[in-house]
Structures are given as C-alpha cells and as structure tokens.
Amino acid sequence: MMSLWLKHILIPFLILTSVTCTPFNSSSTRFLKCGKRAALATFVSPMAISQTVEVLPSVKTIVDRLRLWKLFRKEAESDAIEALSNAISSNLALRTSSCDIYFPSETKSDDKQKAMLFIPGLCVDHTAYASIASRMASEGNIIVAVLSLEPFRLADEHFVDLKELRKCMQTVTNLWNDRNGSKNSSLDWSIGGHSYGAYAAMRLAPDLATYLKKSAIDKIKTVMWAAGNREEFMTDLSQRDDIDAIVLLGSNDSICSLNEDSKRYLQSCLPCYTCLEYINGANHDNFASYHCQSDTIQISRLEQQKQVSRKTIGFLFDHSYHP
C-alpha cells in the first residue's frame, strides 16, 4: 500500500508542482515553499483521499488487534512482585534485559549445576513467575532463567528462537561463573514453559538439544505446564531420542482441557514414556501469579505452586518418572 501511494500519488505531485515552482536556485525558502505546496496538493488530491478510504479498514483492524492485545495482557500480582524484590535484595535473583535469573541459595560442587530456561505464557508479564521460579531455585538447587518477552509478550518464532536462548544462556553462565569465581564451568540446561510458552519450549527443544549435543543417554529435559490441547501449536518430538519431556496439567484448567482425542494426539507428538500428570484442583493461571479470570479455584495458588515445583524438580533430577 505504501509503495502504491508513493508511486501514484506523492511522486507525480512532487514532479508536477516542482516543475511549476521556478526558479529552483533563487533561494532555499522558495524551494521549501514548493515542497510544502507539493505535500498539501498530495494529501488533498482525489487519489490520496480514495487511497485513505481504502486503508481505513486495515487501520481499524490493527487498532482492534492492539486493543485485544492490551486486554489479554496479564500483569504480575503482589506475591510475585514481592518474591522478586526479596530475592534481589537477598542476592538470589537478578534482572537483566533478556531474562530474570533466580539462583539457588547454596552451591553444590559435586554435580554439574542444573539450569532451566523458562518461557512465559501468552501476554503474561515474566515477573508473574517470580514466586514459583524462586521456589524451584531454592528447593531444587536449580538456576531458573525466566525469559523476558517484553514488550509484545509473544513466544512465537519471530520473537523467541535459538539465538535468543543462546544469548540468555551466555548471560546466565557468565553471571554464575562470576558468583562462584569460576571461569570455565558449564551448566546442565533444560527448557520449560507455561501455556503458549510451553508450546514454544516444545518447538525449541530439538534445536537446543542439537546445539547442546544431547544424546539418548544425556537428554535435554523439556517441561510443559498447562499445554497440549492445541494441535496447531505442537511440534512432533516423537522421534527424538535426545529429548525427555513432562506435561503438568491442572484438573480445573478450562483453557487447556484435554479430551481423549487431544490426549492421544499430544502423546503421539511426545517422546516415548512422556509423563502426563494432573494436579488435582489446579487451574491454568495459578501456575504463575496473575489475576485468575477463567477457572474455579479448588486449591490455593501457594499449594498449586508447591506441587508444580516439587514435580518439576523431581523430573529434572529423574525421581521416579519412568518405568
């Protein structure tokens, strides 16, 4: 549309009015007047008006989408904001441009340090994961890096790719080495996400596994919270022997509600022996800490996040999740 406007409206009128404005070399003021006259003639021309009328529906569509995007944005609630503030003041968290990083309260030197990249849900403020991320860091001795998707808060391929993950991983590794006075230590990475962020984790797991040179013996752990009923968002991981996955679902989740068909399809896309586990009474929103709008609450947010944290930590450390 812009090229059409330039070709058929602006450029012809500029040429026409410039020819009529003489002389060009008399003064810059006269040339400026010519430019203003050309711009005015361009915008009030019949063709310009007709093009504007044609563009208006597109403008309205964009405005409507922005309004919807604003409506869907989920802001962190007070418990998450307080958790982030307390963790930062205790030197157990750090906010960077690419992610919020939650550090374990103690360092164990006997094992390779575990770390997880975590992708927020659609339009959810990444601060909303502060409570559960700090819990997993302290209880599981895991570094948790919650990606910042600001300002759009979208986790599709246009905004989150392997390059972004590598950038975040490098930032976390450097900061961790600085904390421990080490120069060459590496981290044992996993990836996870909530809702639409879980589908993004599913999409990115193969590239990350290849980049990290994972194998059937040393698999990359992939954690999916409250996702699996949207076939159009899923990635087929069934043939990947270098990926291990878990899906945690809420029994009261109306946004991600799986029937038998969708459950079979989900399992067909996941590696063999993938665990699908329900948390009784859990809903969609309380995997994080933002205002719950859609689901009935049967267990508290605190209790839900305790269970989610425990099950995620157990999976990352291979605690009885495979036959």
C-alpha atoms as a PDB file:
ATOM      1  CA  MET A   1       0.000   0.000   0.000  1.00  0.00           C
ATOM      2  CA  MET A   2       2.830   2.408   0.842  1.00  0.00           C
ATOM      3  CA  SER A   3       4.630   1.733  -2.458  1.00  0.00           C
ATOM      4  CA  LEU A   4       1.367   2.282  -4.328  1.00  0.00           C
ATOM      5  CA  TRP A   5       0.846   5.576  -2.532  1.00  0.00           C
ATOM      6  CA  LEU A   6       4.387   6.724  -3.337  1.00  0.00           C
ATOM      7  CA  LYS A   7       4.196   5.653  -6.964  1.00  0.00           C
ATOM      8  CA  HIS A   8       0.786   7.020  -7.879  1.00  0.00           C
ATOM      9  CA  ILE A   9       0.307   9.966  -5.509  1.00  0.00           C
ATOM     10  CA  LEU A  10       3.333  11.520  -3.885  1.00  0.00           C
ATOM     11  CA  ILE A  11       5.952  11.251  -6.642  1.00  0.00           C
ATOM     12  CA  PRO A  12       3.711  12.527  -9.506  1.00  0.00           C
ATOM     13  CA  PHE A  13       2.553  15.516  -7.485  1.00  0.00           C
ATOM     14  CA  LEU A  14       6.085  16.317  -6.392  1.00  0.00           C
ATOM     15  CA  ILE A  15       7.217  16.330 -10.024  1.00  0.00           C
ATOM     16  CA  LEU A  16       4.216  18.346 -11.176  1.00  0.00           C
ATOM     17  CA  THR A  17       4.429  21.030  -8.503  1.00  0.00           C
ATOM     18  CA  SER A  18       8.227  21.194  -8.624  1.00  0.00           C
ATOM     19  CA  VAL A  19       8.117  21.989 -12.338  1.00  0.00           C
ATOM     20  CA  THR A  20       5.703  24.832 -11.716  1.00  0.00           C
ATOM     21  CA  CYS A  21       7.833  26.278  -8.902  1.00  0.00           C
ATOM     22  CA  THR A  22      10.533  28.412 -10.566  1.00  0.00           C
ATOM     23  CA  PRO A  23      13.314  29.254 -10.212  1.00  0.00           C
ATOM     24  CA  PHE A  24      14.857  26.494  -8.098  1.00  0.00           C
ATOM     25  CA  ASN A  25      18.108  28.270  -7.479  1.00  0.00           C
ATOM     26  CA  SER A  26      16.730  31.587  -6.257  1.00  0.00           C
ATOM     27  CA  SER A  27      16.528  30.652  -2.582  1.00  0.00           C
ATOM     28  CA  SER A  28      16.044  27.750  -0.223  1.00  0.00           C
ATOM     29  CA  THR A  29      12.906  29.405   1.122  1.00  0.00           C
ATOM     30  CA  ARG A  30      11.220  29.218  -2.258  1.00  0.00           C
ATOM     31  CA  PHE A  31      12.219  25.559  -2.575  1.00  0.00           C
ATOM     32  CA  LEU A  32      10.728  24.872   0.878  1.00  0.00           C
ATOM     33  CA  LYS A  33       7.505  26.549  -0.192  1.00  0.00           C
ATOM     34  CA  CYS A  34       7.410  24.302  -3.234  1.00  0.00           C
ATOM     35  CA  GLY A  35       7.815  21.247  -1.040  1.00  0.00           C
ATOM     36  CA  LYS A  36       5.028  22.328   1.288  1.00  0.00           C
ATOM     37  CA  ARG A  37       2.756  23.075  -1.671  1.00  0.00           C
ATOM     38  CA  ALA A  38       3.508  19.654  -3.137  1.00  0.00           C
ATOM     39  CA  ALA A  39       2.774  17.887   0.133  1.00  0.00           C
ATOM     40  CA  LEU A  40      -0.508  19.760   0.560  1.00  0.00           C
ATOM     41  CA  ALA A  41      -1.571  19.010  -3.016  1.00  0.00           C
ATOM     42  CA  THR A  42      -0.649  15.360  -2.493  1.00  0.00           C
ATOM     43  CA  PHE A  43      -2.731  14.866   0.627  1.00  0.00           C
ATOM     44  CA  VAL A  44      -5.830  16.660  -0.664  1.00  0.00           C
ATOM     45  CA  SER A  45      -5.761  15.036  -4.088  1.00  0.00           C
ATOM     46  CA  PRO A  46      -8.742  12.825  -5.013  1.00  0.00           C
ATOM     47  CA  MET A  47      -6.500   9.789  -5.398  1.00  0.00           C
ATOM     48  CA  ALA A  48      -4.968  10.319  -1.962  1.00  0.00           C
ATOM     49  CA  ILE A  49      -8.420  10.564  -0.397  1.00  0.00           C
ATOM     50  CA  SER A  50      -9.589   7.399  -2.155  1.00  0.00           C
ATOM     51  CA  GLN A  51      -6.455   5.528  -1.030  1.00  0.00           C
ATOM     52  CA  THR A  52      -7.008   6.716   2.551  1.00  0.00           C
ATOM     53  CA  VAL A  53     -10.549   5.380   2.468  1.00  0.00           C
ATOM     54  CA  GLU A  54      -9.205   2.009   1.295  1.00  0.00           C
ATOM     55  CA  VAL A  55      -6.591   1.979   4.070  1.00  0.00           C
ATOM     56  CA  LEU A  56      -9.040   2.793   6.872  1.00  0.00           C
ATOM     57  CA  PRO A  57     -10.364  -0.797   7.287  1.00  0.00           C
ATOM     58  CA  SER A  58      -6.778  -2.026   7.678  1.00  0.00           C
ATOM     59  CA  VAL A  59      -6.075   0.689  10.240  1.00  0.00           C
ATOM     60  CA  LYS A  60      -9.211  -0.305  12.139  1.00  0.00           C
ATOM     61  CA  THR A  61      -8.110  -3.956  12.127  1.00  0.00           C
ATOM     62  CA  ILE A  62      -4.713  -3.016  13.558  1.00  0.00           C
ATOM     63  CA  VAL A  63      -6.338  -0.856  16.245  1.00  0.00           C
ATOM     64  CA  ASP A  64      -8.753  -3.657  17.159  1.00  0.00           C
ATOM     65  CA  ARG A  65      -5.889  -6.143  17.478  1.00  0.00           C
ATOM     66  CA  LEU A  66      -3.895  -3.760  19.657  1.00  0.00           C
ATOM     67  CA  ARG A  67      -6.935  -3.258  21.859  1.00  0.00           C
ATOM     68  CA  LEU A  68      -7.368  -7.034  22.159  1.00  0.00           C
ATOM     69  CA  TRP A  69      -3.653  -7.455  22.869  1.00  0.00           C
ATOM     70  CA  LYS A  70      -3.908  -4.894  25.678  1.00  0.00           C
ATOM     71  CA  LEU A  71      -6.973  -6.671  27.079  1.00  0.00           C
ATOM     72  CA  PHE A  72      -5.175 -10.037  27.198  1.00  0.00           C
ATOM     73  CA  ARG A  73      -2.036  -8.721  28.893  1.00  0.00           C
ATOM     74  CA  LYS A  74      -1.602 -10.269  32.336  1.00  0.00           C
ATOM     75  CA  GLU A  75       0.307  -8.332  34.968  1.00  0.00           C
ATOM     76  CA  ALA A  76       2.096  -9.879  37.936  1.00  0.00           C
ATOM     77  CA  GLU A  77       0.307  -9.803  41.264  1.00  0.00           C
ATOM     78  CA  SER A  78       1.734  -8.644  44.574  1.00  0.00           C
ATOM     79  CA  ASP A  79       3.079 -12.020  45.746  1.00  0.00           C
ATOM     80  CA  ALA A  80       5.259 -12.335  42.628  1.00  0.00           C
ATOM     81  CA  ILE A  81       6.457  -8.732  42.793  1.00  0.00           C
ATOM     82  CA  GLU A  82       7.351  -9.212  46.457  1.00  0.00           C
ATOM     83  CA  ALA A  83       9.094 -12.520  45.722  1.00  0.00           C
ATOM     84  CA  LEU A  84      11.252 -10.896  43.049  1.00  0.00           C
ATOM     85  CA  SER A  85      12.085  -7.947  45.296  1.00  0.00           C
ATOM     86  CA  ASN A  86      13.033 -10.209  48.217  1.00  0.00           C
ATOM     87  CA  ALA A  87      15.148 -12.455  46.000  1.00  0.00           C
ATOM     88  CA  ILE A  88      17.017  -9.492  44.523  1.00  0.00           C
ATOM     89  CA  SER A  89      17.642  -7.964  47.958  1.00  0.00           C
ATOM     90  CA  SER A  90      18.960 -11.355  49.160  1.00  0.00           C
ATOM     91  CA  ASN A  91      21.254 -11.589  46.136  1.00  0.00           C
ATOM     92  CA  LEU A  92      19.323 -14.644  44.923  1.00  0.00           C
ATOM     93  CA  ALA A  93      17.879 -13.034  41.800  1.00  0.00           C
ATOM     94  CA  LEU A  94      18.987 -10.627  39.128  1.00  0.00           C
ATOM     95  CA  ARG A  95      17.042  -8.835  36.404  1.00  0.00           C
ATOM     96  CA  THR A  96      18.722  -8.494  33.008  1.00  0.00           C
ATOM     97  CA  SER A  97      17.453  -7.261  29.659  1.00  0.00           C
ATOM     98  CA  SER A  98      16.914 -10.809  28.377  1.00  0.00           C
ATOM     99  CA  CYS A  99      15.664 -12.647  31.484  1.00  0.00           C
ATOM    100  CA  ASP A 100      15.097 -12.719  35.214  1.00  0.00           C
ATOM    101  CA  ILE A 101      17.577 -15.105  36.848  1.00  0.00           C
ATOM    102  CA  TYR A 102      16.849 -16.946  40.101  1.00  0.00           C
ATOM    103  CA  PHE A 103      19.851 -18.510  41.822  1.00  0.00           C
ATOM    104  CA  PRO A 104      19.908 -21.390  44.328  1.00  0.00           C
ATOM    105  CA  SER A 105      20.644 -20.459  47.923  1.00  0.00           C
ATOM    106  CA  GLU A 106      23.551 -22.890  48.107  1.00  0.00           C
ATOM    107  CA  THR A 107      26.084 -24.235  45.652  1.00  0.00           C
ATOM    108  CA  LYS A 108      26.900 -27.933  45.394  1.00  0.00           C
ATOM    109  CA  SER A 109      30.254 -28.622  43.819  1.00  0.00           C
ATOM    110  CA  ASP A 110      29.874 -32.389  43.366  1.00  0.00           C
ATOM    111  CA  ASP A 111      27.393 -32.263  40.454  1.00  0.00           C
ATOM    112  CA  LYS A 112      27.070 -30.198  37.305  1.00  0.00           C
ATOM    113  CA  GLN A 113      24.809 -27.258  38.124  1.00  0.00           C
ATOM    114  CA  LYS A 114      21.312 -27.603  36.681  1.00  0.00           C
ATOM    115  CA  ALA A 115      19.694 -24.622  34.969  1.00  0.00           C
ATOM    116  CA  MET A 116      16.372 -24.132  33.229  1.00  0.00           C
ATOM    117  CA  LEU A 117      15.249 -21.687  30.558  1.00  0.00           C
ATOM    118  CA  PHE A 118      11.596 -20.873  31.155  1.00  0.00           C
ATOM    119  CA  ILE A 119       9.236 -19.224  28.652  1.00  0.00           C
ATOM    120  CA  PRO A 120       6.190 -17.278  29.956  1.00  0.00           C
ATOM    121  CA  GLY A 121       2.652 -17.723  28.686  1.00  0.00           C
ATOM    122  CA  LEU A 122       0.919 -15.555  26.098  1.00  0.00           C
ATOM    123  CA  CYS A 123       0.861 -11.872  27.152  1.00  0.00           C
ATOM    124  CA  VAL A 124       1.969 -12.750  30.706  1.00  0.00           C
ATOM    125  CA  ASP A 125       4.443 -10.496  32.499  1.00  0.00           C
ATOM    126  CA  HIS A 126       7.532 -12.594  33.239  1.00  0.00           C
ATOM    127  CA  THR A 127       7.562 -11.174  36.771  1.00  0.00           C
ATOM    128  CA  ALA A 128       4.446 -13.297  37.392  1.00  0.00           C
ATOM    129  CA  TYR A 129       6.715 -16.379  37.602  1.00  0.00           C
ATOM    130  CA  ALA A 130       8.895 -14.961  40.380  1.00  0.00           C
ATOM    131  CA  SER A 131       7.248 -16.896  43.220  1.00  0.00           C
ATOM    132  CA  ILE A 132       7.458 -20.332  41.631  1.00  0.00           C
ATOM    133  CA  ALA A 133      10.834 -19.711  39.974  1.00  0.00           C
ATOM    134  CA  SER A 134      12.447 -18.642  43.259  1.00  0.00           C
ATOM    135  CA  ARG A 135      10.852 -21.677  44.939  1.00  0.00           C
ATOM    136  CA  MET A 136      12.322 -24.080  42.357  1.00  0.00           C
ATOM    137  CA  ALA A 137      15.704 -22.385  42.620  1.00  0.00           C
ATOM    138  CA  SER A 138      15.888 -22.695  46.408  1.00  0.00           C
ATOM    139  CA  GLU A 139      14.211 -26.092  46.846  1.00  0.00           C
ATOM    140  CA  GLY A 140      15.764 -27.794  43.844  1.00  0.00           C
ATOM    141  CA  ASN A 141      19.172 -26.120  43.667  1.00  0.00           C
ATOM    142  CA  ILE A 142      18.320 -25.070  40.105  1.00  0.00           C
ATOM    143  CA  ILE A 143      19.134 -21.845  38.301  1.00  0.00           C
ATOM    144  CA  VAL A 144      15.883 -20.659  36.707  1.00  0.00           C
ATOM    145  CA  ALA A 145      16.048 -18.079  33.911  1.00  0.00           C
ATOM    146  CA  VAL A 146      12.599 -16.684  33.058  1.00  0.00           C
ATOM    147  CA  LEU A 147      12.778 -15.091  29.622  1.00  0.00           C
ATOM    148  CA  SER A 148      11.581 -11.528  29.182  1.00  0.00           C
ATOM    149  CA  LEU A 149       9.302 -11.276  26.142  1.00  0.00           C
ATOM    150  CA  GLU A 150       8.676  -7.561  26.520  1.00  0.00           C
ATOM    151  CA  PRO A 151       7.104  -5.568  25.053  1.00  0.00           C
ATOM    152  CA  PHE A 152       4.947  -7.921  22.944  1.00  0.00           C
ATOM    153  CA  ARG A 153       4.974 -10.939  25.301  1.00  0.00           C
ATOM    154  CA  LEU A 154       4.748 -13.385  22.419  1.00  0.00           C
ATOM    155  CA  ALA A 155       6.772 -16.592  22.268  1.00  0.00           C
ATOM    156  CA  ASP A 156       6.396 -17.471  18.586  1.00  0.00           C
ATOM    157  CA  GLU A 157       9.303 -17.963  16.192  1.00  0.00           C
ATOM    158  CA  HIS A 158       9.501 -14.264  15.309  1.00  0.00           C
ATOM    159  CA  PHE A 159      10.406 -13.359  18.881  1.00  0.00           C
ATOM    160  CA  VAL A 160      11.977 -16.438  20.513  1.00  0.00           C
ATOM    161  CA  ASP A 161      14.471 -18.594  18.646  1.00  0.00           C
ATOM    162  CA  LEU A 162      17.696 -20.451  19.358  1.00  0.00           C
ATOM    163  CA  LYS A 163      19.668 -17.226  19.034  1.00  0.00           C
ATOM    164  CA  GLU A 164      17.665 -15.658  21.864  1.00  0.00           C
ATOM    165  CA  LEU A 165      18.112 -18.760  24.004  1.00  0.00           C
ATOM    166  CA  ARG A 166      21.864 -18.773  23.427  1.00  0.00           C
ATOM    167  CA  LYS A 167      22.046 -15.108  24.414  1.00  0.00           C
ATOM    168  CA  CYS A 168      20.220 -15.799  27.658  1.00  0.00           C
ATOM    169  CA  MET A 169      22.300 -18.909  28.381  1.00  0.00           C
ATOM    170  CA  GLN A 170      25.530 -16.985  27.903  1.00  0.00           C
ATOM    171  CA  THR A 171      24.339 -14.226  30.227  1.00  0.00           C
ATOM    172  CA  VAL A 172      23.373 -16.709  32.934  1.00  0.00           C
ATOM    173  CA  THR A 173      26.596 -18.708  32.602  1.00  0.00           C
ATOM    174  CA  ASN A 174      28.757 -15.582  32.884  1.00  0.00           C
ATOM    175  CA  LEU A 175      26.890 -14.344  35.947  1.00  0.00           C
ATOM    176  CA  TRP A 176      27.029 -17.769  37.587  1.00  0.00           C
ATOM    177  CA  ASN A 177      30.771 -18.019  36.998  1.00  0.00           C
ATOM    178  CA  ASP A 178      31.251 -14.543  38.451  1.00  0.00           C
ATOM    179  CA  ARG A 179      29.318 -15.546  41.576  1.00  0.00           C
ATOM    180  CA  ASN A 180      31.451 -18.639  42.072  1.00  0.00           C
ATOM    181  CA  GLY A 181      34.786 -17.272  40.999  1.00  0.00           C
ATOM    182  CA  SER A 182      34.983 -19.777  38.159  1.00  0.00           C
ATOM    183  CA  LYS A 183      35.871 -19.183  34.517  1.00  0.00           C
ATOM    184  CA  ASN A 184      35.057 -22.379  32.680  1.00  0.00           C
ATOM    185  CA  SER A 185      32.140 -24.070  34.454  1.00  0.00           C
ATOM    186  CA  SER A 186      29.204 -25.049  32.254  1.00  0.00           C
ATOM    187  CA  LEU A 187      25.580 -25.584  33.170  1.00  0.00           C
ATOM    188  CA  ASP A 188      23.257 -28.544  32.624  1.00  0.00           C
ATOM    189  CA  TRP A 189      20.425 -26.859  30.715  1.00  0.00           C
ATOM    190  CA  SER A 190      16.764 -27.771  30.425  1.00  0.00           C
ATOM    191  CA  ILE A 191      13.840 -25.862  28.907  1.00  0.00           C
ATOM    192  CA  GLY A 192      10.264 -25.281  30.003  1.00  0.00           C
ATOM    193  CA  GLY A 193       7.261 -23.068  29.580  1.00  0.00           C
ATOM    194  CA  HIS A 194       3.716 -22.300  30.633  1.00  0.00           C
ATOM    195  CA  SER A 195       0.710 -22.368  28.277  1.00  0.00           C
ATOM    196  CA  TYR A 196       1.788 -20.853  24.931  1.00  0.00           C
ATOM    197  CA  GLY A 197       5.313 -20.711  26.336  1.00  0.00           C
ATOM    198  CA  ALA A 198       5.181 -24.495  26.755  1.00  0.00           C
ATOM    199  CA  TYR A 199       4.447 -24.922  23.044  1.00  0.00           C
ATOM    200  CA  ALA A 200       7.427 -22.638  22.372  1.00  0.00           C
ATOM    201  CA  ALA A 201       9.598 -24.849  24.600  1.00  0.00           C
ATOM    202  CA  MET A 202       8.364 -27.854  22.631  1.00  0.00           C
ATOM    203  CA  ARG A 203       9.274 -26.101  19.370  1.00  0.00           C
ATOM    204  CA  LEU A 204      12.731 -25.055  20.553  1.00  0.00           C
ATOM    205  CA  ALA A 205      13.731 -28.298  22.294  1.00  0.00           C
ATOM    206  CA  PRO A 206      15.111 -30.020  19.139  1.00  0.00           C
ATOM    207  CA  ASP A 207      17.297 -27.047  18.174  1.00  0.00           C
ATOM    208  CA  LEU A 208      18.522 -26.681  21.737  1.00  0.00           C
ATOM    209  CA  ALA A 209      19.242 -30.413  22.020  1.00  0.00           C
ATOM    210  CA  THR A 210      21.284 -30.278  18.815  1.00  0.00           C
ATOM    211  CA  TYR A 211      23.144 -27.148  19.935  1.00  0.00           C
ATOM    212  CA  LEU A 212      23.970 -28.712  23.313  1.00  0.00           C
ATOM    213  CA  LYS A 213      24.934 -32.008  21.605  1.00  0.00           C
ATOM    214  CA  LYS A 214      22.483 -34.040  23.648  1.00  0.00           C
ATOM    215  CA  SER A 215      22.127 -37.786  23.149  1.00  0.00           C
ATOM    216  CA  ALA A 216      19.919 -40.721  24.059  1.00  0.00           C
ATOM    217  CA  ILE A 217      21.968 -41.078  27.249  1.00  0.00           C
ATOM    218  CA  ASP A 218      22.196 -37.371  28.107  1.00  0.00           C
ATOM    219  CA  LYS A 219      18.787 -35.995  27.107  1.00  0.00           C
ATOM    220  CA  ILE A 220      17.523 -32.440  27.359  1.00  0.00           C
ATOM    221  CA  LYS A 221      14.647 -32.098  29.811  1.00  0.00           C
ATOM    222  CA  THR A 222      11.547 -30.353  28.474  1.00  0.00           C
ATOM    223  CA  VAL A 223       8.866 -29.164  30.895  1.00  0.00           C
ATOM    224  CA  MET A 224       5.364 -28.230  29.732  1.00  0.00           C
ATOM    225  CA  TRP A 225       2.890 -26.604  32.116  1.00  0.00           C
ATOM    226  CA  ALA A 226      -0.800 -26.312  31.162  1.00  0.00           C
ATOM    227  CA  ALA A 227      -0.428 -27.065  27.446  1.00  0.00           C
ATOM    228  CA  GLY A 228      -1.248 -29.804  24.969  1.00  0.00           C
ATOM    229  CA  ASN A 229      -4.761 -29.299  23.619  1.00  0.00           C
ATOM    230  CA  ARG A 230      -3.868 -27.044  20.662  1.00  0.00           C
ATOM    231  CA  GLU A 231      -2.720 -29.219  17.774  1.00  0.00           C
ATOM    232  CA  GLU A 232      -1.746 -26.249  15.604  1.00  0.00           C
ATOM    233  CA  PHE A 233       0.917 -25.189  18.122  1.00  0.00           C
ATOM    234  CA  MET A 234       2.528 -28.582  18.680  1.00  0.00           C
ATOM    235  CA  THR A 235       5.856 -29.895  17.432  1.00  0.00           C
ATOM    236  CA  ASP A 236       6.387 -33.582  16.780  1.00  0.00           C
ATOM    237  CA  LEU A 237       9.077 -34.823  19.185  1.00  0.00           C
ATOM    238  CA  SER A 238       8.149 -38.491  18.990  1.00  0.00           C
ATOM    239  CA  GLN A 239      11.261 -39.499  17.023  1.00  0.00           C
ATOM    240  CA  ARG A 240      13.713 -37.545  19.158  1.00  0.00           C
ATOM    241  CA  ASP A 241      15.723 -39.809  21.453  1.00  0.00           C
ATOM    242  CA  ASP A 242      17.668 -36.833  22.831  1.00  0.00           C
ATOM    243  CA  ILE A 243      14.603 -35.186  24.452  1.00  0.00           C
ATOM    244  CA  ASP A 244      12.832 -36.128  27.677  1.00  0.00           C
ATOM    245  CA  ALA A 245       9.518 -34.430  28.493  1.00  0.00           C
ATOM    246  CA  ILE A 246       6.875 -33.997  31.162  1.00  0.00           C
ATOM    247  CA  VAL A 247       3.435 -32.358  30.902  1.00  0.00           C
ATOM    248  CA  LEU A 248       1.842 -30.976  34.076  1.00  0.00           C
ATOM    249  CA  LEU A 249      -1.867 -30.185  33.812  1.00  0.00           C
ATOM    250  CA  GLY A 250      -4.495 -28.760  36.136  1.00  0.00           C
ATOM    251  CA  SER A 251      -7.707 -30.710  36.676  1.00  0.00           C
ATOM    252  CA  ASN A 252      -9.647 -27.397  36.805  1.00  0.00           C
ATOM    253  CA  ASP A 253      -7.991 -25.848  33.752  1.00  0.00           C
ATOM    254  CA  SER A 254     -10.685 -24.694  31.317  1.00  0.00           C
ATOM    255  CA  ILE A 255      -8.164 -23.153  28.901  1.00  0.00           C
ATOM    256  CA  CYS A 256      -6.179 -26.378  28.497  1.00  0.00           C
ATOM    257  CA  SER A 257      -8.782 -29.103  28.819  1.00  0.00           C
ATOM    258  CA  LEU A 258      -7.847 -32.372  27.140  1.00  0.00           C
ATOM    259  CA  ASN A 259     -10.382 -34.885  25.896  1.00  0.00           C
ATOM    260  CA  GLU A 260      -9.364 -38.410  24.925  1.00  0.00           C
ATOM    261  CA  ASP A 261      -8.632 -37.451  21.306  1.00  0.00           C
ATOM    262  CA  SER A 262      -6.479 -34.462  22.183  1.00  0.00           C
ATOM    263  CA  LYS A 263      -4.662 -36.506  24.833  1.00  0.00           C
ATOM    264  CA  ARG A 264      -3.855 -39.231  22.303  1.00  0.00           C
ATOM    265  CA  TYR A 265      -2.641 -36.638  19.802  1.00  0.00           C
ATOM    266  CA  LEU A 266      -0.452 -34.976  22.426  1.00  0.00           C
ATOM    267  CA  GLN A 267       1.103 -38.286  23.434  1.00  0.00           C
ATOM    268  CA  SER A 268       1.733 -39.122  19.771  1.00  0.00           C
ATOM    269  CA  CYS A 269       3.830 -35.953  19.481  1.00  0.00           C
ATOM    270  CA  LEU A 270       5.915 -36.608  22.575  1.00  0.00           C
ATOM    271  CA  PRO A 271       8.891 -38.907  23.199  1.00  0.00           C
ATOM    272  CA  CYS A 272       8.208 -42.401  24.459  1.00  0.00           C
ATOM    273  CA  TYR A 273       7.423 -42.669  28.187  1.00  0.00           C
ATOM    274  CA  THR A 274       6.495 -38.986  28.493  1.00  0.00           C
ATOM    275  CA  CYS A 275       4.552 -38.424  31.711  1.00  0.00           C
ATOM    276  CA  LEU A 276       1.209 -36.572  31.602  1.00  0.00           C
ATOM    277  CA  GLU A 277       0.355 -35.740  35.186  1.00  0.00           C
ATOM    278  CA  TYR A 278      -2.680 -33.915  36.585  1.00  0.00           C
ATOM    279  CA  ILE A 279      -2.602 -31.775  39.703  1.00  0.00           C
ATOM    280  CA  ASN A 280      -5.935 -32.145  41.424  1.00  0.00           C
ATOM    281  CA  GLY A 281      -7.748 -28.816  41.845  1.00  0.00           C
ATOM    282  CA  ALA A 282      -5.136 -26.826  39.905  1.00  0.00           C
ATOM    283  CA  ASN A 283      -6.194 -24.259  37.306  1.00  0.00           C
ATOM    284  CA  HIS A 284      -4.495 -22.530  34.381  1.00  0.00           C
ATOM    285  CA  ASP A 285      -3.474 -19.177  35.827  1.00  0.00           C
ATOM    286  CA  ASN A 286      -2.042 -20.259  39.164  1.00  0.00           C
ATOM    287  CA  PHE A 287       0.960 -21.913  37.553  1.00  0.00           C
ATOM    288  CA  ALA A 288       2.079 -18.280  37.717  1.00  0.00           C
ATOM    289  CA  SER A 289       0.892 -15.316  39.826  1.00  0.00           C
ATOM    290  CA  TYR A 290      -1.540 -13.146  37.902  1.00  0.00           C
ATOM    291  CA  HIS A 291      -5.246 -12.467  38.216  1.00  0.00           C
ATOM    292  CA  CYS A 292      -7.344 -15.584  37.746  1.00  0.00           C
ATOM    293  CA  GLN A 293     -10.277 -14.896  35.438  1.00  0.00           C
ATOM    294  CA  SER A 294     -11.456 -18.154  33.999  1.00  0.00           C
ATOM    295  CA  ASP A 295     -11.247 -21.140  36.333  1.00  0.00           C
ATOM    296  CA  THR A 296     -12.709 -22.386  39.571  1.00  0.00           C
ATOM    297  CA  ILE A 297     -10.151 -22.385  42.387  1.00  0.00           C
ATOM    298  CA  GLN A 298     -10.119 -25.586  44.468  1.00  0.00           C
ATOM    299  CA  ILE A 299      -6.612 -25.330  45.879  1.00  0.00           C
ATOM    300  CA  SER A 300      -4.701 -22.180  46.744  1.00  0.00           C
ATOM    301  CA  ARG A 301      -2.113 -20.674  44.449  1.00  0.00           C
ATOM    302  CA  LEU A 302       0.550 -21.411  47.053  1.00  0.00           C
ATOM    303  CA  GLU A 303      -0.418 -25.084  47.237  1.00  0.00           C
ATOM    304  CA  GLN A 304      -0.579 -25.412  43.452  1.00  0.00           C
ATOM    305  CA  GLN A 305       2.849 -23.883  43.006  1.00  0.00           C
ATOM    306  CA  LYS A 306       4.286 -26.105  45.744  1.00  0.00           C
ATOM    307  CA  GLN A 307       3.102 -29.188  43.870  1.00  0.00           C
ATOM    308  CA  VAL A 308       4.202 -27.902  40.463  1.00  0.00           C
ATOM    309  CA  SER A 309       7.643 -27.022  41.829  1.00  0.00           C
ATOM    310  CA  ARG A 310       8.058 -30.416  43.506  1.00  0.00           C
ATOM    311  CA  LYS A 311       7.019 -32.390  40.427  1.00  0.00           C
ATOM    312  CA  THR A 312       9.190 -30.286  38.105  1.00  0.00           C
ATOM    313  CA  ILE A 313      12.238 -30.679  40.348  1.00  0.00           C
ATOM    314  CA  GLY A 314      11.607 -34.422  40.596  1.00  0.00           C
ATOM    315  CA  PHE A 315      11.514 -34.696  36.815  1.00  0.00           C
ATOM    316  CA  LEU A 316      14.684 -32.672  36.315  1.00  0.00           C
ATOM    317  CA  PHE A 317      16.502 -34.950  38.765  1.00  0.00           C
ATOM    318  CA  ASP A 318      14.977 -38.193  37.400  1.00  0.00           C
ATOM    319  CA  HIS A 319      12.996 -39.009  40.527  1.00  0.00           C
ATOM    320  CA  SER A 320      10.704 -41.897  39.551  1.00  0.00           C
ATOM    321  CA  TYR A 321       9.175 -40.592  36.338  1.00  0.00           C
ATOM    322  CA  HIS A 322       9.989 -43.519  34.054  1.00  0.00           C
ATOM    323  CA  PRO A 323       9.055 -47.202  34.141  1.00  0.00           C
END
